[in-house]
Every structure is written in C-alpha cells, then in structure tokens.
Amino acid sequence: MFVRPLTAEERQALRAGLRSAEAFTLRRCQILLASAEGQTPRQIATLLGCCVQTVRNALRAFHAEGLDCLREKSSAPKTTRIVLDDAGCRRLRDLLHCSPRDFGKPTSLWTLALAAEVAHAEGLTSRPVSIELIRQALKRLGVTWQRAKDWITSPDPAYRRKKGRATG
C-alpha cells in the first residue's frame, strides 16, 4: 500500500507541513512523504515509532481527502443516540425509590452498578449501560449520588430519647 504519485503542489504542502507546530500534521506529512519515497507501511511505522495501522489510516485518508487529511478532525461521535430519555430518567428515579430486594438482589443498598444492571433488566435501557450514564441521568434530574452510610441503631426502646439527649 503506497500513496498515489504526488503533484508538485502536494509535495510542497507536505514539506511545509514538516515545520508545523501541530504533531498530527507533522506525523501525517512524514508518513505521506516516506510513502512517496517508496517505503512500505511497516518500514514507515518502524522509522516513526508508530503502529502500522496508523500509517495505513494516513494513506487511506490521503486517498479519500487529499491534503485535507493533514488537519485533525474531531474525535467526537458524528451522531449520538439517547439511551435514557427524560421519561426513562424519571422511571429510573422511581425504580431507585424501591428496594433492590424487590428486584431479587441480595442487598438493600443501591449502587450505580446495581442501578445500571436493574435498569437494563427492567427494560429502561435497550442495552447494558455504564455507571457514568446512570450518574449523568440522575444529575439531569437534580439527584446527587452519595455513597451509602451505615446507621447504627439499637434495639433499646428508649434509644431515640437517649440519643437525642446525648447529641442535643
């Protein structure tokens, strides 16, 4: 796999790109010029200290885009799909007001991982989701997620009165 024959303008632009402050542009120019000199992707990767796939990606991008491939594109997804819409977020909040034991779980405390698992099992999400998605959904609803705390209680019938007197 080699780059197509370069025009004089392309070769000049690639040589100018060797002085670029952008590392992405510099690397692409190095790859394309080395390929134009007849080096294989494996030789170029060894020379530049990158993987062979990086070289192939640069060559394919040049064939598809020309010199436009020298500018780094956004790595953000082109489209995003809402996994948990507003109605799903409200259903999630209602789900978290129940005990995990209602869903056959061995604990009575919710964790984000457990909430994600139950949300998928209950059909709130079409696929298993991350704990970050659950946290963000709760944040959109204005719910803050805090780690569960263990409360110490006593079987003593006068516990509340005694504790109130001790803590003020």
Protein backbone atom coordinates (compact mmCIF):
# COMPACT_ATOMS: atom_id res chain seq x y z
CA MET A 1 0.00 0.00 0.00
CA PHE A 2 1.58 3.24 -1.16
CA VAL A 3 0.46 6.82 -1.60
CA ARG A 4 -0.50 7.82 -5.13
CA PRO A 5 2.01 9.92 -7.10
CA LEU A 6 2.13 13.40 -5.57
CA THR A 7 1.69 16.60 -7.54
CA ALA A 8 4.23 19.39 -7.12
CA GLU A 9 1.76 21.42 -5.02
CA GLU A 10 1.01 18.44 -2.76
CA ARG A 11 4.71 17.70 -2.27
CA GLN A 12 5.34 21.37 -1.41
CA ALA A 13 2.43 21.42 1.08
CA LEU A 14 3.69 18.22 2.72
CA ARG A 15 7.22 19.65 3.06
CA ALA A 16 5.74 22.81 4.59
CA GLY A 17 3.78 20.60 6.99
CA LEU A 18 7.07 19.22 8.34
CA ARG A 19 7.50 22.59 10.08
CA SER A 20 4.01 22.54 11.58
CA ALA A 21 3.55 23.09 15.31
CA GLU A 22 0.75 20.51 15.25
CA ALA A 23 2.04 17.00 15.96
CA PHE A 24 -0.80 15.41 13.99
CA THR A 25 0.02 17.39 10.84
CA LEU A 26 3.75 16.74 11.21
CA ARG A 27 3.23 12.98 11.58
CA ARG A 28 0.86 12.79 8.59
CA CYS A 29 3.34 14.71 6.42
CA GLN A 30 6.19 12.42 7.47
CA ILE A 31 4.11 9.34 6.65
CA LEU A 32 2.97 10.60 3.25
CA LEU A 33 6.41 11.77 2.15
CA ALA A 34 8.02 8.49 3.25
CA SER A 35 5.40 6.54 1.31
CA ALA A 36 6.00 8.72 -1.75
CA GLU A 37 9.68 7.73 -1.49
CA GLY A 38 8.65 4.07 -1.78
CA GLN A 39 8.80 2.92 1.84
CA THR A 40 6.28 0.31 2.97
CA PRO A 41 3.86 0.98 5.83
CA ARG A 42 5.85 -1.34 8.10
CA GLN A 43 9.11 0.50 7.35
CA ILE A 44 7.46 3.86 7.95
CA ALA A 45 5.94 2.68 11.23
CA THR A 46 9.32 1.43 12.43
CA LEU A 47 11.02 4.66 11.37
CA LEU A 48 8.46 6.92 13.08
CA GLY A 49 7.77 4.76 16.11
CA CYS A 50 4.07 4.32 15.46
CA CYS A 51 1.92 1.33 14.57
CA VAL A 52 1.39 0.11 11.04
CA GLN A 53 -2.35 0.82 11.25
CA THR A 54 -1.62 4.50 11.86
CA VAL A 55 0.35 4.59 8.62
CA ARG A 56 -2.43 2.80 6.74
CA ASN A 57 -5.02 5.18 8.15
CA ALA A 58 -2.97 8.17 6.96
CA LEU A 59 -2.60 6.71 3.47
CA ARG A 60 -6.30 5.93 3.20
CA ALA A 61 -7.22 9.39 4.45
CA PHE A 62 -4.94 10.99 1.84
CA HIS A 63 -6.53 8.94 -0.94
CA ALA A 64 -10.01 9.94 0.25
CA GLU A 65 -9.46 13.59 1.27
CA GLY A 66 -6.24 14.78 -0.32
CA LEU A 67 -4.42 17.47 1.66
CA ASP A 68 -7.46 17.95 3.90
CA CYS A 69 -6.28 14.84 5.77
CA LEU A 70 -3.50 16.94 7.32
CA ARG A 71 -5.95 18.67 9.67
CA GLU A 72 -7.02 16.71 12.72
CA LYS A 73 -10.74 16.04 12.80
CA SER A 74 -12.95 15.92 15.86
CA SER A 75 -12.94 12.59 17.66
CA ALA A 76 -16.50 13.14 18.90
CA PRO A 77 -19.10 10.75 17.51
CA LYS A 78 -20.91 12.01 14.42
CA THR A 79 -24.27 11.19 15.97
CA THR A 80 -25.32 10.29 19.45
CA ARG A 81 -28.27 8.22 20.47
CA ILE A 82 -30.18 8.98 23.63
CA VAL A 83 -30.10 5.82 25.69
CA LEU A 84 -32.12 7.19 28.59
CA ASP A 85 -34.57 9.98 27.69
CA ASP A 86 -36.38 12.20 30.21
CA ALA A 87 -39.18 9.67 30.73
CA GLY A 88 -36.58 6.94 31.26
CA CYS A 89 -34.77 9.14 33.80
CA ARG A 90 -37.98 9.59 35.76
CA ARG A 91 -38.62 5.84 35.65
CA LEU A 92 -35.06 5.33 36.92
CA ARG A 93 -35.71 7.66 39.85
CA ASP A 94 -38.91 5.77 40.67
CA LEU A 95 -37.00 2.49 40.43
CA LEU A 96 -34.41 3.77 42.91
CA HIS A 97 -37.15 4.57 45.43
CA CYS A 98 -37.78 0.81 45.66
CA SER A 99 -35.53 -1.62 47.42
CA PRO A 100 -33.10 -3.67 45.33
CA ARG A 101 -34.55 -6.69 47.12
CA ASP A 102 -37.80 -6.07 45.18
CA PHE A 103 -35.82 -6.97 42.06
CA GLY A 104 -34.29 -10.12 43.54
CA LYS A 105 -30.98 -8.58 44.59
CA PRO A 106 -29.27 -9.72 47.80
CA THR A 107 -28.72 -6.20 49.18
CA SER A 108 -30.89 -3.35 50.32
CA LEU A 109 -28.49 -0.61 49.21
CA TRP A 110 -28.33 0.75 45.68
CA THR A 111 -25.02 1.20 43.91
CA LEU A 112 -24.62 2.78 40.49
CA ALA A 113 -23.57 -0.58 39.05
CA LEU A 114 -26.62 -2.27 40.55
CA ALA A 115 -28.88 0.51 39.26
CA ALA A 116 -27.42 0.08 35.76
CA GLU A 117 -27.97 -3.69 35.90
CA VAL A 118 -31.57 -3.42 37.13
CA ALA A 119 -32.37 -0.60 34.66
CA HIS A 120 -31.39 -2.88 31.80
CA ALA A 121 -33.20 -5.89 33.28
CA GLU A 122 -36.38 -3.83 33.74
CA GLY A 123 -36.26 -2.53 30.16
CA LEU A 124 -35.37 1.10 30.91
CA THR A 125 -32.38 0.74 28.57
CA SER A 126 -32.08 -1.35 25.44
CA ARG A 127 -28.54 -2.45 26.27
CA PRO A 128 -26.34 -2.69 29.38
CA VAL A 129 -25.13 0.78 30.32
CA SER A 130 -22.25 2.22 32.32
CA ILE A 131 -22.44 3.63 35.80
CA GLU A 132 -21.49 7.01 34.31
CA LEU A 133 -24.67 7.04 32.22
CA ILE A 134 -26.73 6.35 35.35
CA ARG A 135 -24.89 9.08 37.27
CA GLN A 136 -25.45 11.60 34.45
CA ALA A 137 -29.14 10.67 34.21
CA LEU A 138 -29.58 11.26 37.94
CA LYS A 139 -27.66 14.51 37.69
CA ARG A 140 -30.07 15.72 34.96
CA LEU A 141 -32.90 15.08 37.42
CA GLY A 142 -31.10 17.06 40.15
CA VAL A 143 -30.40 13.94 42.20
CA THR A 144 -26.95 13.69 43.75
CA TRP A 145 -25.47 10.28 44.28
CA GLN A 146 -23.76 9.68 47.58
CA ARG A 147 -22.21 6.59 48.99
CA ALA A 148 -24.45 4.65 51.33
CA LYS A 149 -23.88 5.23 55.01
CA ASP A 150 -24.30 2.63 57.73
CA TRP A 151 -26.51 3.90 60.51
CA ILE A 152 -26.04 2.48 63.95
CA THR A 153 -29.27 1.76 65.75
CA SER A 154 -30.06 -0.03 68.94
CA PRO A 155 -32.84 -2.44 69.86
CA ASP A 156 -33.32 -0.46 73.09
CA PRO A 157 -36.87 1.01 73.06
CA ALA A 158 -35.57 4.23 74.65
CA TYR A 159 -32.73 4.59 72.11
CA ARG A 160 -34.14 7.66 70.34
CA ARG A 161 -34.75 9.51 73.58
CA LYS A 162 -31.31 8.68 74.96
CA LYS A 163 -29.57 9.56 71.70
CA GLY A 164 -31.45 12.86 71.48
CA ARG A 165 -30.36 13.75 74.99
CA ALA A 166 -26.71 12.81 74.25
CA THR A 167 -26.43 14.65 70.92
CA GLY A 168 -28.60 17.60 71.78
